[in-house]
Amino acid sequence: MISYERLEEIASGNAWRVGELTDMAQELLAHRKARDGWQFVPVEPTEEMIAAALKFPAQTRKQYAAMLAAAPKPFTD
């Protein structure tokens, strides 16, 4: 995981050479990607996510799985 200090360094734009800028950009992109087994989801569930969860009353794990499946997919390059 990228450290807070490294994020600060990258954000400051204090790169001394072009190669360093490339390295920083790659570091940030790697940090932005979800780890295997993880998924980025909205902070607040969407209507689709809520509707998917309601199909499984009192079955928390199935509700959660349905909500993740219904979550919007992140933009990919």
N, C-alpha and C. Protein backbone atom coordinates (compact mmCIF):
# COMPACT_ATOMS: atom_id res chain seq x y z
N MET A 1 0.84 -1.18 0.00
CA MET A 1 0.00 0.00 0.00
C MET A 1 0.89 1.24 0.00
N ILE A 2 0.44 2.25 -0.66
CA ILE A 2 1.20 3.50 -0.76
C ILE A 2 1.01 4.31 0.53
N SER A 3 2.08 4.86 1.05
CA SER A 3 2.01 5.59 2.31
C SER A 3 1.44 7.00 2.10
N TYR A 4 0.93 7.56 3.18
CA TYR A 4 0.40 8.92 3.13
C TYR A 4 1.50 9.91 2.74
N GLU A 5 2.70 9.67 3.26
CA GLU A 5 3.82 10.55 2.94
C GLU A 5 4.13 10.51 1.44
N ARG A 6 4.07 9.31 0.86
CA ARG A 6 4.34 9.18 -0.57
C ARG A 6 3.26 9.88 -1.38
N LEU A 7 2.00 9.75 -0.96
CA LEU A 7 0.92 10.47 -1.64
C LEU A 7 1.15 11.98 -1.59
N GLU A 8 1.59 12.48 -0.44
CA GLU A 8 1.89 13.90 -0.30
C GLU A 8 3.01 14.32 -1.26
N GLU A 9 4.04 13.50 -1.34
CA GLU A 9 5.17 13.79 -2.23
C GLU A 9 4.71 13.84 -3.68
N ILE A 10 3.89 12.88 -4.08
CA ILE A 10 3.40 12.84 -5.45
C ILE A 10 2.50 14.04 -5.72
N ALA A 11 1.62 14.36 -4.78
CA ALA A 11 0.68 15.47 -4.96
C ALA A 11 1.40 16.81 -5.06
N SER A 12 2.55 16.93 -4.40
CA SER A 12 3.28 18.19 -4.41
C SER A 12 3.91 18.49 -5.77
N GLY A 13 4.08 17.44 -6.59
CA GLY A 13 4.67 17.64 -7.91
C GLY A 13 6.15 17.89 -7.87
N ASN A 14 6.81 17.51 -6.81
CA ASN A 14 8.24 17.75 -6.68
C ASN A 14 9.07 16.63 -7.29
N ALA A 15 8.80 16.31 -8.54
CA ALA A 15 9.58 15.29 -9.24
C ALA A 15 10.75 15.97 -9.92
N TRP A 16 11.91 15.35 -9.85
CA TRP A 16 13.12 15.97 -10.38
C TRP A 16 13.43 15.54 -11.80
N ARG A 17 12.79 14.45 -12.26
CA ARG A 17 13.05 13.99 -13.61
C ARG A 17 11.79 13.35 -14.19
N VAL A 18 11.72 13.25 -15.50
CA VAL A 18 10.55 12.71 -16.17
C VAL A 18 10.29 11.27 -15.75
N GLY A 19 11.32 10.47 -15.64
CA GLY A 19 11.17 9.08 -15.23
C GLY A 19 10.49 8.94 -13.88
N GLU A 20 10.81 9.88 -12.99
CA GLU A 20 10.20 9.85 -11.66
C GLU A 20 8.70 10.12 -11.75
N LEU A 21 8.30 11.01 -12.66
CA LEU A 21 6.87 11.27 -12.86
C LEU A 21 6.15 10.01 -13.32
N THR A 22 6.77 9.28 -14.23
CA THR A 22 6.19 8.03 -14.72
C THR A 22 6.05 7.03 -13.58
N ASP A 23 7.08 6.91 -12.77
CA ASP A 23 7.05 6.00 -11.62
C ASP A 23 5.92 6.38 -10.67
N MET A 24 5.78 7.67 -10.40
CA MET A 24 4.74 8.15 -9.50
C MET A 24 3.35 7.86 -10.06
N ALA A 25 3.17 8.07 -11.35
CA ALA A 25 1.88 7.81 -11.97
C ALA A 25 1.54 6.33 -11.87
N GLN A 26 2.49 5.46 -12.11
CA GLN A 26 2.25 4.02 -12.01
C GLN A 26 1.91 3.62 -10.58
N GLU A 27 2.59 4.23 -9.63
CA GLU A 27 2.33 3.96 -8.22
C GLU A 27 0.89 4.34 -7.85
N LEU A 28 0.47 5.51 -8.31
CA LEU A 28 -0.89 5.96 -8.02
C LEU A 28 -1.93 5.06 -8.67
N LEU A 29 -1.71 4.65 -9.90
CA LEU A 29 -2.65 3.76 -10.57
C LEU A 29 -2.74 2.42 -9.86
N ALA A 30 -1.62 1.90 -9.41
CA ALA A 30 -1.62 0.63 -8.69
C ALA A 30 -2.39 0.77 -7.38
N HIS A 31 -2.25 1.91 -6.73
CA HIS A 31 -2.93 2.16 -5.46
C HIS A 31 -4.44 2.27 -5.67
N ARG A 32 -4.85 2.78 -6.83
CA ARG A 32 -6.26 3.01 -7.12
C ARG A 32 -7.03 1.72 -7.36
N LYS A 33 -6.36 0.67 -7.80
CA LYS A 33 -7.01 -0.59 -8.12
C LYS A 33 -7.37 -1.34 -6.85
N ALA A 34 -8.48 -2.06 -6.90
CA ALA A 34 -8.90 -2.87 -5.77
C ALA A 34 -8.04 -4.13 -5.69
N ARG A 35 -7.84 -4.61 -4.49
CA ARG A 35 -7.12 -5.85 -4.30
C ARG A 35 -8.00 -7.01 -4.75
N ASP A 36 -7.39 -8.15 -5.04
CA ASP A 36 -8.16 -9.33 -5.39
C ASP A 36 -9.14 -9.65 -4.28
N GLY A 37 -10.37 -9.95 -4.65
CA GLY A 37 -11.40 -10.28 -3.67
C GLY A 37 -12.10 -9.05 -3.10
N TRP A 38 -11.72 -7.87 -3.54
CA TRP A 38 -12.33 -6.62 -3.08
C TRP A 38 -13.02 -5.96 -4.25
N GLN A 39 -13.95 -5.07 -3.93
CA GLN A 39 -14.70 -4.35 -4.96
C GLN A 39 -15.00 -2.95 -4.45
N PHE A 40 -14.83 -1.96 -5.31
CA PHE A 40 -15.21 -0.59 -4.96
C PHE A 40 -16.71 -0.45 -5.11
N VAL A 41 -17.36 0.13 -4.13
CA VAL A 41 -18.81 0.34 -4.19
C VAL A 41 -19.12 1.75 -3.69
N PRO A 42 -20.30 2.28 -4.03
CA PRO A 42 -20.67 3.61 -3.55
C PRO A 42 -20.79 3.64 -2.02
N VAL A 43 -20.56 4.80 -1.43
CA VAL A 43 -20.71 4.96 0.02
C VAL A 43 -22.17 4.72 0.40
N GLU A 44 -23.06 5.26 -0.36
CA GLU A 44 -24.50 5.04 -0.15
C GLU A 44 -24.98 4.05 -1.20
N PRO A 45 -25.73 3.00 -0.80
CA PRO A 45 -26.20 2.03 -1.79
C PRO A 45 -27.14 2.67 -2.80
N THR A 46 -27.07 2.18 -4.04
CA THR A 46 -27.97 2.67 -5.08
C THR A 46 -29.34 1.99 -4.92
N GLU A 47 -30.33 2.48 -5.63
CA GLU A 47 -31.65 1.85 -5.59
C GLU A 47 -31.57 0.40 -6.07
N GLU A 48 -30.74 0.15 -7.08
CA GLU A 48 -30.57 -1.21 -7.59
C GLU A 48 -29.98 -2.13 -6.53
N MET A 49 -29.02 -1.61 -5.77
CA MET A 49 -28.41 -2.41 -4.71
C MET A 49 -29.43 -2.74 -3.62
N ILE A 50 -30.23 -1.77 -3.25
CA ILE A 50 -31.25 -2.00 -2.22
C ILE A 50 -32.28 -3.02 -2.71
N ALA A 51 -32.72 -2.86 -3.95
CA ALA A 51 -33.71 -3.79 -4.52
C ALA A 51 -33.15 -5.21 -4.55
N ALA A 52 -31.87 -5.34 -4.89
CA ALA A 52 -31.25 -6.66 -4.93
C ALA A 52 -31.20 -7.28 -3.53
N ALA A 53 -30.89 -6.50 -2.53
CA ALA A 53 -30.82 -7.01 -1.16
C ALA A 53 -32.19 -7.44 -0.64
N LEU A 54 -33.23 -6.73 -1.03
CA LEU A 54 -34.58 -7.06 -0.54
C LEU A 54 -35.10 -8.38 -1.08
N LYS A 55 -34.44 -8.93 -2.08
CA LYS A 55 -34.84 -10.24 -2.61
C LYS A 55 -34.48 -11.37 -1.65
N PHE A 56 -33.64 -11.07 -0.65
CA PHE A 56 -33.18 -12.07 0.30
C PHE A 56 -33.42 -11.61 1.74
N PRO A 57 -34.69 -11.50 2.17
CA PRO A 57 -34.96 -11.03 3.53
C PRO A 57 -34.35 -11.95 4.58
N ALA A 58 -33.74 -11.35 5.57
CA ALA A 58 -33.13 -12.05 6.72
C ALA A 58 -32.02 -13.01 6.31
N GLN A 59 -31.39 -12.79 5.18
CA GLN A 59 -30.25 -13.61 4.74
C GLN A 59 -29.09 -12.65 4.42
N THR A 60 -28.46 -12.16 5.45
CA THR A 60 -27.48 -11.09 5.34
C THR A 60 -26.40 -11.35 4.29
N ARG A 61 -25.81 -12.52 4.29
CA ARG A 61 -24.73 -12.80 3.33
C ARG A 61 -25.24 -12.75 1.89
N LYS A 62 -26.42 -13.31 1.65
CA LYS A 62 -26.98 -13.28 0.30
C LYS A 62 -27.37 -11.85 -0.08
N GLN A 63 -27.88 -11.08 0.90
CA GLN A 63 -28.20 -9.67 0.64
C GLN A 63 -26.94 -8.91 0.23
N TYR A 64 -25.89 -9.12 0.98
CA TYR A 64 -24.63 -8.41 0.71
C TYR A 64 -24.09 -8.80 -0.66
N ALA A 65 -24.10 -10.09 -0.97
CA ALA A 65 -23.63 -10.55 -2.28
C ALA A 65 -24.46 -9.94 -3.40
N ALA A 66 -25.78 -9.88 -3.22
CA ALA A 66 -26.67 -9.30 -4.23
C ALA A 66 -26.39 -7.81 -4.41
N MET A 67 -26.14 -7.11 -3.31
CA MET A 67 -25.84 -5.68 -3.38
C MET A 67 -24.53 -5.43 -4.13
N LEU A 68 -23.52 -6.25 -3.85
CA LEU A 68 -22.25 -6.10 -4.55
C LEU A 68 -22.41 -6.37 -6.04
N ALA A 69 -23.19 -7.38 -6.37
CA ALA A 69 -23.42 -7.70 -7.78
C ALA A 69 -24.16 -6.58 -8.49
N ALA A 70 -25.04 -5.87 -7.78
CA ALA A 70 -25.84 -4.81 -8.36
C ALA A 70 -25.15 -3.45 -8.33
N ALA A 71 -24.01 -3.36 -7.64
CA ALA A 71 -23.29 -2.09 -7.54
C ALA A 71 -22.78 -1.65 -8.91
N PRO A 72 -22.74 -0.33 -9.14
CA PRO A 72 -22.19 0.16 -10.41
C PRO A 72 -20.73 -0.26 -10.53
N LYS A 73 -20.31 -0.57 -11.73
CA LYS A 73 -18.94 -0.97 -11.98
C LYS A 73 -18.09 0.28 -12.19
N PRO A 74 -16.86 0.31 -11.63
CA PRO A 74 -16.01 1.48 -11.80
C PRO A 74 -15.57 1.64 -13.24
N PHE A 75 -15.24 2.86 -13.60
CA PHE A 75 -14.71 3.17 -14.92
C PHE A 75 -13.36 2.47 -15.05
N THR A 76 -13.14 1.81 -16.16
CA THR A 76 -11.83 1.19 -16.42
C THR A 76 -11.24 1.79 -17.68
N ASP A 77 -9.92 1.83 -17.71
CA ASP A 77 -9.22 2.43 -18.84
C ASP A 77 -9.37 1.60 -20.08
